Protein backbone atom coordinates (compact mmCIF):
# COMPACT_ATOMS: atom_id res chain seq x y z
CA MET A 1 0.05 0.29 -0.34
CA ALA A 2 1.59 3.18 -1.30
CA THR A 3 1.52 5.42 1.63
CA PRO A 4 3.56 8.42 2.02
CA GLU A 5 5.20 9.26 5.63
CA LEU A 6 7.69 11.88 6.67
CA ARG A 7 10.29 9.47 6.82
CA HIS A 8 9.77 8.80 3.06
CA PHE A 9 10.38 12.79 2.90
CA GLU A 10 13.24 12.46 5.13
CA ARG A 11 15.31 9.66 3.53
CA ALA A 12 14.74 12.03 -0.12
CA ALA A 13 16.28 14.98 1.60
CA ARG A 14 19.37 12.83 2.79
CA GLU A 15 19.79 10.83 -0.73
CA ILE A 16 19.48 14.66 -2.37
CA ALA A 17 22.37 15.63 0.15
CA ALA A 18 23.90 12.36 -0.64
CA HIS A 19 24.22 12.16 -4.31
CA GLY A 20 22.97 15.28 -5.61
CA ASP A 21 19.54 16.68 -7.19
CA ASN A 22 20.45 15.38 -10.20
CA ASP A 23 22.98 13.71 -11.95
CA THR A 24 24.15 15.55 -14.99
CA LEU A 25 24.60 18.90 -12.93
CA PRO A 26 27.62 19.32 -10.78
CA PHE A 27 26.54 19.80 -6.73
CA ASP A 28 25.38 23.25 -6.04
CA LEU A 29 25.04 24.81 -2.86
CA ASP A 30 21.06 24.57 -2.71
CA VAL A 31 22.48 20.22 -2.01
CA ARG A 32 24.39 21.29 1.09
CA PHE A 33 21.16 23.12 1.98
CA THR A 34 19.22 20.15 1.47
CA GLY A 35 21.48 18.26 3.40
CA GLN A 36 22.12 20.53 6.53
CA ALA A 37 18.16 21.57 6.60
CA ALA A 38 16.53 17.52 5.37
CA GLY A 39 14.50 17.18 8.36
CA GLU A 40 12.89 20.67 8.66
CA LEU A 41 12.54 20.49 4.44
CA ALA A 42 10.77 17.16 5.46
CA SER A 43 8.72 18.60 7.69
CA ILE A 44 7.13 21.06 5.94
CA ALA A 45 6.29 18.78 2.94
CA PHE A 46 5.02 16.00 4.69
CA GLY A 47 2.89 19.00 6.51
CA PHE A 48 1.75 20.14 2.77
CA TYR A 49 0.86 17.03 1.85
CA SER A 50 -1.09 15.65 5.38
CA GLU A 51 -3.27 18.88 4.25
CA LEU A 52 -3.37 17.77 0.42
CA LYS A 53 -4.65 14.37 2.03
CA GLU A 54 -7.25 15.89 3.35
CA GLY A 55 -8.82 18.39 1.22
CA PRO A 56 -10.56 17.13 -2.01
CA ALA A 57 -8.55 15.46 -4.92
CA LYS A 58 -9.55 17.79 -7.97
CA GLU A 59 -9.19 21.31 -5.67
CA ASN A 60 -5.74 19.47 -4.80
CA LYS A 61 -4.55 19.37 -8.42
CA SER A 62 -6.07 22.83 -8.85
CA ARG A 63 -4.11 24.32 -6.27
CA LEU A 64 -0.59 22.23 -7.49
CA ASP A 65 -1.31 23.88 -11.16
CA GLY A 66 -1.63 27.21 -9.74
CA MET A 67 1.71 27.40 -7.83
CA ARG A 68 4.95 28.42 -8.86
CA VAL A 69 6.91 25.33 -8.78
CA TYR A 70 10.31 26.41 -9.74
CA SER A 71 12.08 24.32 -12.10
CA GLU A 72 14.09 24.71 -15.61
CA ARG A 73 14.95 22.34 -18.64
CA LEU A 74 18.74 22.50 -19.23
CA ILE A 75 20.32 20.79 -23.17
CA ALA A 76 22.96 18.49 -21.83
CA PRO A 77 25.08 15.55 -24.12
CA SER A 78 23.94 12.81 -25.27
CA GLY A 79 26.73 10.18 -27.22
CA PRO A 80 29.22 11.94 -28.98
CA ALA A 81 25.95 13.78 -31.41
CA GLY A 82 23.09 13.85 -29.82
CA PHE A 83 21.91 15.82 -26.72
CA ARG A 84 18.57 15.58 -24.29
CA VAL A 85 16.77 17.66 -22.12
CA VAL A 86 17.45 17.23 -18.51
CA THR A 87 15.68 19.13 -15.05
CA LYS A 88 17.03 21.23 -12.27
CA ILE A 89 14.23 21.62 -10.05
CA HIS A 90 13.50 23.91 -6.88
CA PRO A 91 15.07 22.01 -3.49
CA PHE A 92 11.57 21.41 -1.92
CA TRP A 93 9.86 20.00 -5.00
CA ASN A 94 12.92 17.87 -5.61
CA ILE A 95 12.14 16.28 -1.97
CA TYR A 96 8.43 16.64 -2.63
CA LEU A 97 8.75 14.75 -5.42
CA ASN A 98 11.33 11.95 -4.14
CA GLY A 99 9.25 11.74 -1.47
CA LEU A 100 6.20 11.01 -3.11
CA ALA A 101 8.32 8.69 -5.79
CA ILE A 102 10.58 6.55 -1.99
CA ALA A 103 6.69 5.52 -1.31
CA ILE A 104 5.70 4.40 -4.73
CA ALA A 105 8.87 2.06 -5.09
CA GLU A 106 8.51 0.31 -1.59
CA THR A 107 5.47 -0.66 -2.77
CA LEU A 108 6.46 -1.86 -6.25
CA GLU A 109 9.79 -3.29 -5.48
CA PRO A 110 8.03 -6.50 -3.67
CA ALA A 111 6.22 -7.09 -7.42
CA ARG A 112 8.83 -6.24 -9.95
CA ASP A 113 9.95 -9.24 -12.19
CA GLU A 114 13.32 -9.84 -11.16
CA HIS A 115 14.14 -9.57 -14.94
CA ALA A 116 14.06 -6.20 -15.18
CA HIS A 117 18.01 -5.47 -13.43
CA SER A 118 17.76 -1.20 -13.27
CA TYR A 119 17.14 0.95 -10.24
CA ARG A 120 16.56 -2.18 -7.51
CA PHE A 121 14.61 -0.22 -4.57
CA LEU A 122 16.55 -0.99 -1.20
CA PRO A 123 13.70 -0.41 1.52
CA GLY A 124 15.23 -0.22 4.64
CA GLY A 125 18.75 1.14 2.92
CA GLU A 126 20.25 4.69 4.65
CA ASP A 127 22.87 5.24 2.29
CA ARG A 128 21.35 4.86 -0.76
CA LEU A 129 17.59 4.32 -2.93
CA PHE A 130 18.97 1.74 -5.13
CA ALA A 131 21.09 -1.75 -4.76
CA PRO A 132 24.38 -0.38 -6.30
CA ASP A 133 24.62 -5.23 -7.30
CA ARG A 134 21.75 -4.36 -10.25
CA SER A 135 24.31 -1.80 -12.54
CA TRP A 136 24.03 -2.09 -16.16
CA ARG A 137 27.62 -4.30 -15.81
CA ALA A 138 25.95 -6.58 -14.47
CA PHE A 139 23.20 -6.77 -15.79
CA LYS A 140 25.19 -7.39 -19.64
CA GLU A 141 26.92 -9.78 -17.61
CA VAL A 142 23.66 -11.90 -16.73
CA THR A 143 23.24 -11.27 -20.87
CA VAL A 144 25.75 -13.26 -21.85
CA ARG A 145 25.46 -16.06 -19.19
CA HIS A 146 21.65 -16.44 -20.49
CA ALA A 147 22.75 -16.46 -23.89
CA ALA A 148 25.67 -19.30 -23.67
CA GLU A 149 23.22 -21.66 -21.33
CA ALA A 150 20.74 -20.78 -24.45
CA GLY A 151 22.85 -22.57 -26.57
CA LYS A 152 24.67 -22.39 -30.23
CA ASP A 153 22.00 -21.84 -32.05
CA ALA A 154 19.87 -19.05 -29.60
CA VAL A 155 19.09 -15.52 -31.47
CA ILE A 156 20.12 -12.78 -28.94
CA VAL A 157 18.45 -9.04 -29.70
CA GLN A 158 19.66 -6.41 -28.71
CA THR A 159 17.34 -3.16 -28.27
CA ASP A 160 16.15 -0.04 -26.91
CA ILE A 161 12.52 2.05 -26.54
CA SER A 162 12.78 5.40 -28.79
CA SER A 163 12.87 8.25 -27.14
CA PHE A 164 11.61 6.65 -23.83
CA TYR A 165 11.88 9.46 -20.84
CA GLU A 166 10.43 12.29 -23.60
CA HIS A 167 7.07 9.91 -24.45
CA VAL A 168 5.75 8.45 -21.23
CA SER A 169 2.58 9.41 -20.63
CA HIS A 170 0.70 11.16 -17.40
CA HIS A 171 -2.87 9.64 -17.97
CA TYR A 172 -1.11 6.18 -18.09
CA LEU A 173 1.26 7.06 -14.94
CA GLU A 174 -2.01 8.38 -12.86
CA ASN A 175 -3.60 4.96 -13.68
CA PHE A 176 -0.39 3.36 -12.44
CA ILE A 177 -0.58 4.71 -9.11
CA ASN A 178 -4.19 4.95 -8.84
CA GLN A 179 -3.35 0.51 -8.99
CA LEU A 180 -1.41 0.35 -5.62
CA GLY A 181 -3.90 1.15 -2.86
CA GLY A 182 -3.44 2.73 -0.08
CA ASP A 183 -3.37 7.09 -0.60
CA ALA A 184 -2.52 6.29 -4.24
CA HIS A 185 -5.94 8.08 -5.42
CA VAL A 186 -4.50 11.45 -3.58
CA MET A 187 -0.26 10.63 -4.63
CA SER A 188 -0.76 9.99 -8.38
CA THR A 189 -2.79 13.74 -8.13
CA GLN A 190 -0.29 15.28 -7.35
CA VAL A 191 2.24 13.71 -9.46
CA ASN A 192 0.48 13.81 -12.18
CA ALA A 193 0.39 18.01 -11.77
CA LEU A 194 4.20 18.30 -10.92
CA LEU A 195 4.54 16.60 -13.85
CA SER A 196 3.50 19.02 -15.79
CA HIS A 197 4.58 21.51 -14.37
CA PHE A 198 8.04 20.26 -15.15
CA SER A 199 7.51 19.20 -18.50
CA ALA A 200 6.31 22.92 -19.33
CA LYS A 201 2.26 21.58 -19.51
CA ARG A 202 2.76 18.87 -21.80
CA SER A 203 1.04 15.94 -20.67
CA PHE A 204 4.02 13.61 -21.61
CA GLY A 205 7.63 13.44 -20.06
CA LEU A 206 9.91 12.81 -17.25
CA PRO A 207 12.23 15.01 -15.38
CA VAL A 208 15.32 13.79 -16.60
CA GLY A 209 18.52 13.55 -14.02
CA GLY A 210 16.65 12.52 -10.78
CA GLN A 211 15.59 9.49 -8.29
CA ALA A 212 11.95 10.12 -8.99
CA ALA A 213 12.21 10.19 -12.77
CA ARG A 214 14.26 6.90 -12.37
CA ILE A 215 10.97 5.07 -9.85
CA LEU A 216 8.41 6.52 -12.49
CA ALA A 217 9.94 4.94 -15.26
CA GLU A 218 10.28 1.80 -13.34
CA LEU A 219 6.74 1.92 -12.66
CA PHE A 220 5.80 2.66 -16.10
CA LEU A 221 7.93 -0.06 -17.38
CA SER A 222 7.18 -2.85 -14.92
CA HIS A 223 4.08 -3.18 -17.04
CA ILE A 224 5.61 -3.76 -20.25
CA ASP A 225 7.42 -6.08 -18.15
CA ASN A 226 4.23 -8.24 -17.12
CA ALA A 227 3.16 -8.31 -20.97
CA LEU A 228 6.53 -9.74 -21.79
CA THR A 229 6.47 -12.50 -19.10
CA THR A 230 3.02 -13.52 -20.17
CA ALA A 231 3.71 -13.73 -23.49
CA GLY A 232 6.44 -16.28 -22.62
CA VAL A 233 8.95 -14.02 -23.60
CA THR A 234 12.55 -14.72 -22.22
CA TRP A 235 13.97 -11.65 -21.64
CA HIS A 236 16.28 -8.58 -19.34
CA ARG A 237 15.93 -5.09 -19.47
CA TYR A 238 17.95 -2.48 -18.33
CA VAL A 239 15.58 0.68 -17.86
CA ASP A 240 14.44 1.38 -21.67
CA ASP A 241 17.54 -0.90 -23.19
CA TYR A 242 16.20 -4.57 -23.43
CA VAL A 243 17.91 -8.32 -24.27
CA ILE A 244 15.54 -10.60 -25.77
CA ILE A 245 16.92 -14.54 -26.42
CA GLY A 246 15.13 -16.87 -28.78
CA THR A 247 15.55 -20.20 -29.21
CA ASN A 248 16.03 -18.99 -32.62
CA THR A 249 15.53 -16.36 -35.34
CA ALA A 250 11.78 -16.84 -36.18
CA ASN A 251 10.97 -16.81 -31.93
CA ALA A 252 13.25 -13.95 -31.85
CA TYR A 253 11.50 -12.81 -33.86
CA LYS A 254 7.96 -13.46 -32.37
CA ALA A 255 9.01 -11.72 -29.02
CA LEU A 256 10.64 -8.42 -30.68
CA GLY A 257 7.11 -8.26 -31.94
CA THR A 258 5.18 -8.87 -28.52
CA LEU A 259 8.04 -6.10 -27.28
CA ALA A 260 7.14 -3.80 -30.09
CA GLN A 261 3.06 -4.39 -29.41
CA SER A 262 3.64 -4.18 -25.92
CA LEU A 263 5.19 -0.90 -25.74
CA ALA A 264 2.50 0.64 -28.82
CA ASP A 265 -0.34 -0.27 -26.31
CA TYR A 266 1.37 3.15 -24.15
CA GLY A 267 2.03 5.36 -26.48
CA LEU A 268 5.85 3.94 -27.60
CA SER A 269 7.81 2.67 -30.08
CA LEU A 270 10.86 0.71 -30.54
CA ASN A 271 14.12 2.55 -32.12
CA LYS A 272 14.88 0.94 -35.59
CA SER A 273 18.33 2.13 -35.81
CA LYS A 274 19.36 -0.03 -32.32
CA THR A 275 17.36 -3.13 -33.34
CA VAL A 276 19.85 -5.95 -34.17
CA PHE A 277 19.73 -9.31 -33.98
CA LEU A 278 22.81 -11.25 -33.31
CA SER A 279 23.93 -15.42 -32.83
CA SER A 280 24.24 -16.75 -29.31
CA LYS A 281 28.22 -16.23 -29.81
CA HIS A 282 28.81 -12.84 -31.60
CA TYR A 283 26.42 -11.23 -28.94
CA GLN A 284 28.60 -12.20 -25.81
CA ASP A 285 31.92 -11.19 -27.65
CA TYR A 286 30.52 -8.44 -28.51
CA VAL A 287 29.39 -7.10 -24.73
CA GLN A 288 32.71 -9.16 -23.58
CA SER A 289 34.38 -6.98 -25.95
CA GLN A 290 32.53 -3.79 -24.97
CA LEU A 291 33.20 -4.45 -20.90
CA GLY A 292 37.03 -4.24 -21.66
CA ASP A 293 37.81 -8.26 -21.32
CA GLY A 294 40.81 -9.45 -22.91
CA ASP A 295 42.34 -6.31 -21.85
CA ASP A 296 43.66 -6.72 -19.00
CA GLU A 297 44.77 -2.47 -18.07
CA ALA A 298 40.90 -1.04 -19.18
CA MET A 299 39.24 -3.97 -17.95
CA LYS A 300 40.68 -2.43 -14.53
CA LEU A 301 40.01 0.75 -14.56
CA ARG A 302 36.87 0.23 -15.60
CA SER A 303 36.40 -2.15 -12.39
CA ILE A 304 37.46 0.45 -10.20
CA ASP A 305 34.85 1.36 -7.97
CA LEU A 306 35.29 5.03 -6.97
CA LYS A 307 32.68 5.53 -4.21
CA PHE A 308 34.88 3.91 -1.39
CA ASP A 309 33.34 4.53 1.40
CA PRO A 310 35.27 7.39 3.88
CA TYR A 311 33.66 6.16 6.75
CA SER A 312 34.82 2.60 6.89
CA ASP A 313 36.90 1.31 9.72
CA GLU A 314 40.18 1.68 7.46
CA PRO A 315 39.20 4.56 5.08
CA GLU A 316 42.64 5.55 4.50
CA VAL A 317 43.65 2.00 3.71
CA ASP A 318 40.73 2.33 0.92
CA TYR A 319 41.72 5.03 -0.97
CA GLU A 320 45.38 4.34 -0.47
CA SER A 321 45.19 0.75 -2.04
CA LEU A 322 42.87 2.45 -4.76
CA LYS A 323 45.22 4.41 -5.31
CA GLU A 324 47.70 1.73 -5.65
CA THR A 325 46.06 -0.41 -8.27
CA VAL A 326 45.62 3.43 -10.79
CA GLU A 327 49.10 4.48 -10.05
CA SER A 328 50.12 0.80 -11.28
CA LEU A 329 47.73 1.38 -14.63
CA GLU A 330 49.70 2.59 -17.79
CA VAL A 331 46.54 5.17 -17.75
CA ARG A 332 48.41 8.25 -20.43
CA GLN A 333 49.18 5.27 -22.54
CA LEU A 334 45.40 3.88 -22.56
CA LEU A 335 44.21 7.65 -22.91
CA ASN A 336 46.38 7.97 -26.44
CA ARG A 337 45.13 5.00 -27.55
CA GLU A 338 41.85 6.27 -27.13
CA LEU A 339 42.91 9.23 -28.77
CA GLU A 340 43.47 6.84 -32.11
CA LYS A 341 40.22 5.35 -32.05
CA ALA A 342 37.37 7.22 -34.49
CA LEU A 343 34.63 6.90 -31.24
CA PRO A 344 36.65 6.58 -28.37
CA ASP A 345 35.55 4.80 -25.35
CA ASN A 346 33.22 7.20 -23.27
CA PHE A 347 33.26 4.95 -20.18
CA LEU A 348 36.91 4.55 -19.82
CA VAL A 349 37.40 8.42 -21.18
CA ALA A 350 34.99 8.97 -17.77
CA GLN A 351 36.91 6.59 -15.62
CA ILE A 352 40.72 8.52 -16.66
CA GLY A 353 38.56 11.97 -15.75
CA ARG A 354 37.17 10.38 -12.45
CA THR A 355 41.05 9.00 -11.25
CA MET A 356 42.70 12.08 -12.21
CA ARG A 357 42.90 12.87 -8.05
CA LEU A 358 45.02 9.40 -7.33
CA HIS A 359 47.86 10.06 -9.80
CA ALA A 360 51.00 12.10 -8.59
CA PRO A 361 50.58 15.41 -9.27
CA GLU A 362 52.71 15.88 -12.58
CA VAL A 363 50.94 13.00 -14.33
CA ALA A 364 47.56 14.29 -12.75
CA LEU A 365 49.06 17.30 -14.80
CA GLU A 366 50.12 15.56 -17.96
CA ILE A 367 46.80 13.40 -18.07
CA ALA A 368 44.77 16.67 -18.00
CA THR A 369 46.81 18.46 -20.30
CA THR A 370 45.99 16.02 -22.77
CA LEU A 371 42.11 15.33 -22.21
CA LEU A 372 41.69 19.83 -22.59
CA GLN A 373 43.57 19.80 -25.57
CA PRO A 374 41.33 21.55 -28.11
CA THR A 375 40.95 18.14 -30.94
CA ASN A 376 40.63 15.98 -27.69
CA LEU A 377 38.59 17.47 -26.18
CA HIS A 378 36.02 17.69 -28.51
CA ALA A 379 36.78 13.75 -29.39
CA PHE A 380 36.33 13.07 -25.13
CA ARG A 381 33.05 15.48 -25.49
CA SER A 382 30.52 12.48 -24.47
CA SER A 383 32.68 12.92 -21.25
CA PHE A 384 33.05 16.52 -21.19
CA SER A 385 31.01 16.51 -17.42
CA THR A 386 33.12 13.76 -16.00
CA ILE A 387 36.56 15.82 -17.31
CA MET A 388 35.88 18.39 -15.82
CA ARG A 389 34.70 16.71 -12.43
CA GLY A 390 38.36 15.42 -12.30
CA ILE A 391 39.44 19.45 -12.95
CA ALA A 392 37.62 19.87 -10.06
CA HIS A 393 38.44 17.69 -7.89
CA LEU A 394 42.34 18.41 -8.63
CA ARG A 395 41.35 22.38 -8.46
CA SER A 396 40.03 22.27 -5.24
CA ASP A 397 42.49 19.18 -3.54
CA LYS A 398 45.38 21.66 -1.72
CA THR A 399 48.24 18.90 -1.94
CA PHE A 400 48.01 19.34 -5.89
CA ALA A 401 49.15 22.33 -5.08
CA GLN A 402 52.32 22.33 -7.41
CA ILE A 403 49.74 22.03 -10.25
CA HIS A 404 47.19 24.26 -9.90
CA THR A 405 48.89 26.98 -11.87
CA GLY A 406 49.34 24.76 -15.16
CA VAL A 407 45.80 23.67 -14.56
CA ASP A 408 44.13 27.29 -14.43
CA LEU A 409 46.23 28.67 -17.88
CA LEU A 410 44.20 25.30 -19.61
CA LEU A 411 40.79 26.36 -18.61
CA ASP A 412 41.22 29.93 -19.04
CA ALA A 413 42.34 28.33 -22.64
CA VAL A 414 38.99 26.75 -23.44
CA PRO A 415 36.22 29.23 -23.98
CA GLY A 416 39.24 30.34 -26.66
CA GLU A 417 39.78 27.52 -28.10
CA SER A 418 36.48 24.41 -27.47
CA GLY A 419 33.79 28.21 -27.20
CA HIS A 420 30.95 25.57 -29.33
CA LEU A 421 31.81 22.72 -26.35
CA LEU A 422 30.40 25.51 -23.81
CA GLU A 423 27.30 26.51 -25.38
CA VAL A 424 26.12 23.34 -23.94
CA ASP A 425 24.23 24.15 -20.46
CA THR A 426 25.30 21.65 -18.44
CA ASN A 427 28.96 21.64 -20.09
CA ARG A 428 28.76 25.59 -19.02
CA LEU A 429 27.96 24.59 -15.29
CA HIS A 430 30.18 21.84 -14.90
CA TYR A 431 33.11 24.30 -16.45
CA LEU A 432 32.07 27.41 -14.02
CA ARG A 433 32.69 24.97 -11.23
CA CYS A 434 36.14 25.30 -11.73
CA LEU A 435 36.35 28.80 -12.52
CA ARG A 436 35.51 29.69 -9.06
CA PHE A 437 38.81 28.27 -7.57
CA SER A 438 40.26 31.22 -8.25
CA ALA A 439 39.88 34.64 -10.18
CA THR A 440 41.75 36.08 -13.26
CA PRO A 441 41.01 38.82 -15.24
CA PHE A 442 39.42 36.58 -18.06
CA ARG A 443 37.34 35.14 -16.06
CA ARG A 444 35.56 38.21 -14.74
CA ARG A 445 35.14 38.99 -17.75
CA TYR A 446 33.89 35.97 -19.06
CA ILE A 447 30.90 35.48 -15.94
CA GLN A 448 30.26 38.45 -16.15
CA SER A 449 29.22 38.39 -19.74
CA LEU A 450 27.49 35.11 -19.05
CA PHE A 451 25.40 36.60 -16.38
CA ASP A 452 24.13 39.97 -18.33
CA GLN A 453 23.47 37.51 -21.51
CA THR A 454 22.29 34.31 -20.19
CA ARG A 455 17.96 34.17 -19.48
CA SER A 456 19.09 30.28 -17.91
CA ASP A 457 18.49 31.41 -13.48
CA VAL A 458 20.74 28.27 -13.42
CA LEU A 459 23.25 29.51 -14.82
CA GLN A 460 23.09 33.00 -13.69
CA ARG A 461 23.26 31.32 -9.90
CA ALA A 462 26.38 29.60 -11.24
CA CYS A 463 27.71 33.04 -11.82
CA ILE A 464 26.29 34.58 -8.62
CA GLU A 465 28.48 30.97 -6.94
CA CYS A 466 31.73 32.51 -8.42
CA TRP A 467 31.38 35.42 -7.30
CA ARG A 468 31.02 34.81 -3.58
CA SER A 469 33.91 32.43 -4.01
CA TRP A 470 36.13 34.98 -5.43
CA LYS A 471 34.56 37.37 -2.53
CA ASP A 472 34.63 39.48 -5.93
CA ASN A 473 33.07 43.44 -4.47
CA VAL A 474 32.28 44.44 -7.81
CA ALA A 475 30.32 41.90 -8.07
CA TYR A 476 28.69 41.69 -5.24
CA ASN A 477 27.37 46.09 -5.72
CA HIS A 478 26.37 45.64 -8.90
CA LEU A 479 24.20 43.21 -7.59
CA ARG A 480 23.23 44.34 -4.25
CA ASN A 481 21.53 47.36 -6.83
CA ARG A 482 20.32 44.81 -8.78
CA TRP A 483 17.92 42.84 -6.30
CA ASN A 484 14.60 43.25 -7.43
CA GLN A 485 15.43 41.88 -10.81
CA LEU A 486 16.94 38.91 -9.63
CA THR A 487 14.78 35.66 -9.42
CA PRO A 488 14.22 34.44 -5.59
CA ASP A 489 16.60 31.81 -6.42
CA CYS A 490 19.14 34.28 -7.82
CA GLN A 491 18.44 36.07 -4.57
CA ARG A 492 19.04 33.39 -1.96
CA ILE A 493 22.81 32.86 -3.68
CA PHE A 494 23.60 36.88 -2.87
CA TRP A 495 21.69 36.50 0.26
CA LEU A 496 24.41 34.09 1.38
CA SER A 497 27.54 35.63 -0.63
CA THR A 498 26.64 38.56 1.97
CA PHE A 499 28.42 37.13 4.48
CA THR A 500 31.53 37.81 2.87
CA PHE A 501 31.26 41.25 3.02
CA GLY A 502 31.71 42.43 6.39
CA ASP A 503 29.63 45.45 7.06
CA GLU A 504 28.48 45.96 3.89
CA GLY A 505 26.92 42.51 3.84
CA ASP A 506 24.95 43.31 7.29
CA ALA A 507 23.25 46.52 5.89
CA ALA A 508 22.48 44.58 3.19
CA ARG A 509 20.61 42.07 4.80
CA ARG A 510 18.93 44.15 6.87
CA GLN A 511 17.94 46.23 3.99
CA PHE A 512 16.20 43.37 2.30
CA LYS A 513 15.42 40.30 5.17
CA PRO A 514 12.35 42.62 5.78
CA ALA A 515 10.74 41.17 1.75
CA LEU A 516 11.97 37.50 2.27
CA ALA A 517 9.31 36.04 4.09
CA ASN A 518 7.14 36.73 0.94
CA ALA A 519 9.83 36.01 -2.25
CA TRP A 520 11.04 33.64 -1.08
CA ALA A 521 7.86 31.54 0.35
CA LEU A 522 6.66 28.25 -1.73
CA GLY A 523 2.97 28.90 -1.74
CA VAL A 524 3.06 25.41 0.95
CA GLU A 525 2.93 27.56 4.10
CA VAL A 526 0.74 27.76 6.97
CA PRO A 527 0.43 31.11 7.28
CA LEU A 528 1.37 32.61 10.26
CA ASP A 529 -1.93 33.76 12.09
CA GLU A 530 -3.00 30.03 11.63
CA GLN A 531 -0.24 28.79 12.49
CA LYS A 532 -0.45 29.75 16.02
CA ASP A 533 -3.92 28.75 16.20
CA ALA A 534 -2.76 24.97 14.65
CA GLN A 535 -0.30 25.36 17.27
CA LYS A 536 -3.06 25.32 20.19
CA LEU A 537 -4.81 21.80 18.19
CA LYS A 538 -2.34 18.99 19.96
CA GLY A 539 -1.57 16.11 17.23
CA HIS A 540 -2.17 18.93 14.58
CA PRO A 541 -0.30 17.84 11.58
CA ARG A 542 0.72 21.22 10.54
CA GLY A 543 1.36 22.68 13.76
CA ALA A 544 5.21 24.86 14.88
CA GLU A 545 5.69 24.15 11.01
CA PRO A 546 9.36 25.68 10.08
CA ARG A 547 9.11 28.03 6.93
CA PHE A 548 11.36 27.76 4.13
CA ALA A 549 12.66 31.51 3.89
CA ALA A 550 13.38 31.44 7.79
CA LEU A 551 15.03 27.85 7.23
CA TYR A 552 17.48 29.16 4.74
CA GLN A 553 18.31 32.00 6.08
CA ALA A 554 19.50 30.26 9.84
CA TRP A 555 21.26 27.88 7.63
CA ALA A 556 23.24 30.81 5.06
CA ALA A 557 24.24 32.37 8.98
CA GLU A 558 26.19 28.87 9.75
CA MET A 559 27.13 28.39 6.56
CA LYS A 560 28.97 31.85 5.92
CA ASP A 561 32.30 30.40 6.47
CA ALA A 562 31.84 27.77 4.28
CA ASP A 563 33.98 27.30 0.89
């Protein structure tokens, strides 16, 4: 029975704090805020849910439809030549949607087919939502074993759904949620209304990048899974990637037709260009090559798990062991080999970017130099965000201080030599994340020009973060004089910045503080006069509930000395 509770919203907040609000975007200050105010934000979310639960469903949907639910759609790379839309969501609404989704996942997981490998929910997990051993790699390894067991005459079909996330119907999702029982009818209209906000009022599409979208996608596809199993199809799935195992060509083709019909019943279709028939041996050889079998160096790099636990009994030993493994590899040779390919291995390049901080400084600088050369960066464009994350790690780590000047010179050359890559929203955000560590004349001009020209709230916030890190007085005065022109979310980052400017910052806060309760209001808070009355009622779900604007102000005061 799907019934949201306070613990679901608390878990949503903790998960965002640990892993970010969107896996395509860099961590920002709102992620830190979410973690440090997790309990209070979850309390607001659960209080709002409790209020909606008590009211008529149709009125609740109308209320959500009329609210300002902030989100921004951004362009992100998808492969070497494609792009997709990802969604940045306001921290509160991200917690709210994820909390509802976690309640859904908790109910859905026991009913899911074992052949669905993606995002298997951990009901009692505290640190993560999904089972770490159910990875894409594990999925591929299972399909190879199954193909081998099927015999030499077996035929394997590899396919995926065409633009799946973009075409998920909100109407069908609402119906699927309604079948879960408990508070399903209360939740379904809310999820539908929120998805409509995040999809620019369209009736289809999921907000790519967050955990709620993954859970809702699995809910949707569980109905396709059931149809395949009922029809006797032998299948495996990871998100929208399917592997069908047939006893022969005719059997495989019939099974593919069943999948196509099942998808068509819900307005979806297969990707023709990615649908291939392979013999069992051909499929096994292809996947083993894809996973790096037969190449010891590449295999070791691929298999490295960089999510070592800093809170384990021997964290330094874990880290040192990981570092020794990376240092033993001929990473520079592997990188040069990828450069020789027409289509570099994105995952291998991504692993090289992730492991830069595990090398000696001079080796790390050499790898960074190779990665950021214009022709190379273009060749590795699918891995731009991971490369920039690796560069940011180097730039933030004092143990690499001796190469920081060299890294900064490489970064400042990117707009002039690889500016086309920065036309992509998410690439630019990752690049800005690297610039915040030091100010140069070039960077000051670049950031000011970007702030003045962009219409993206997310990019403007990233510019303000740079100015805050640099303690840029000129930019501070520029923003202070334009306070009323800033969006509420940009105002919040500027408010945090005021704590770095002494008396001038104190004066700005005194000037703007009276307007914050209304300017930053979510629209879900209980009016103060009603809240006072509610506190007199024992057990009232919204009595003494914190307010978003006050929470942020208190957090900003505590964070004034943060990096």
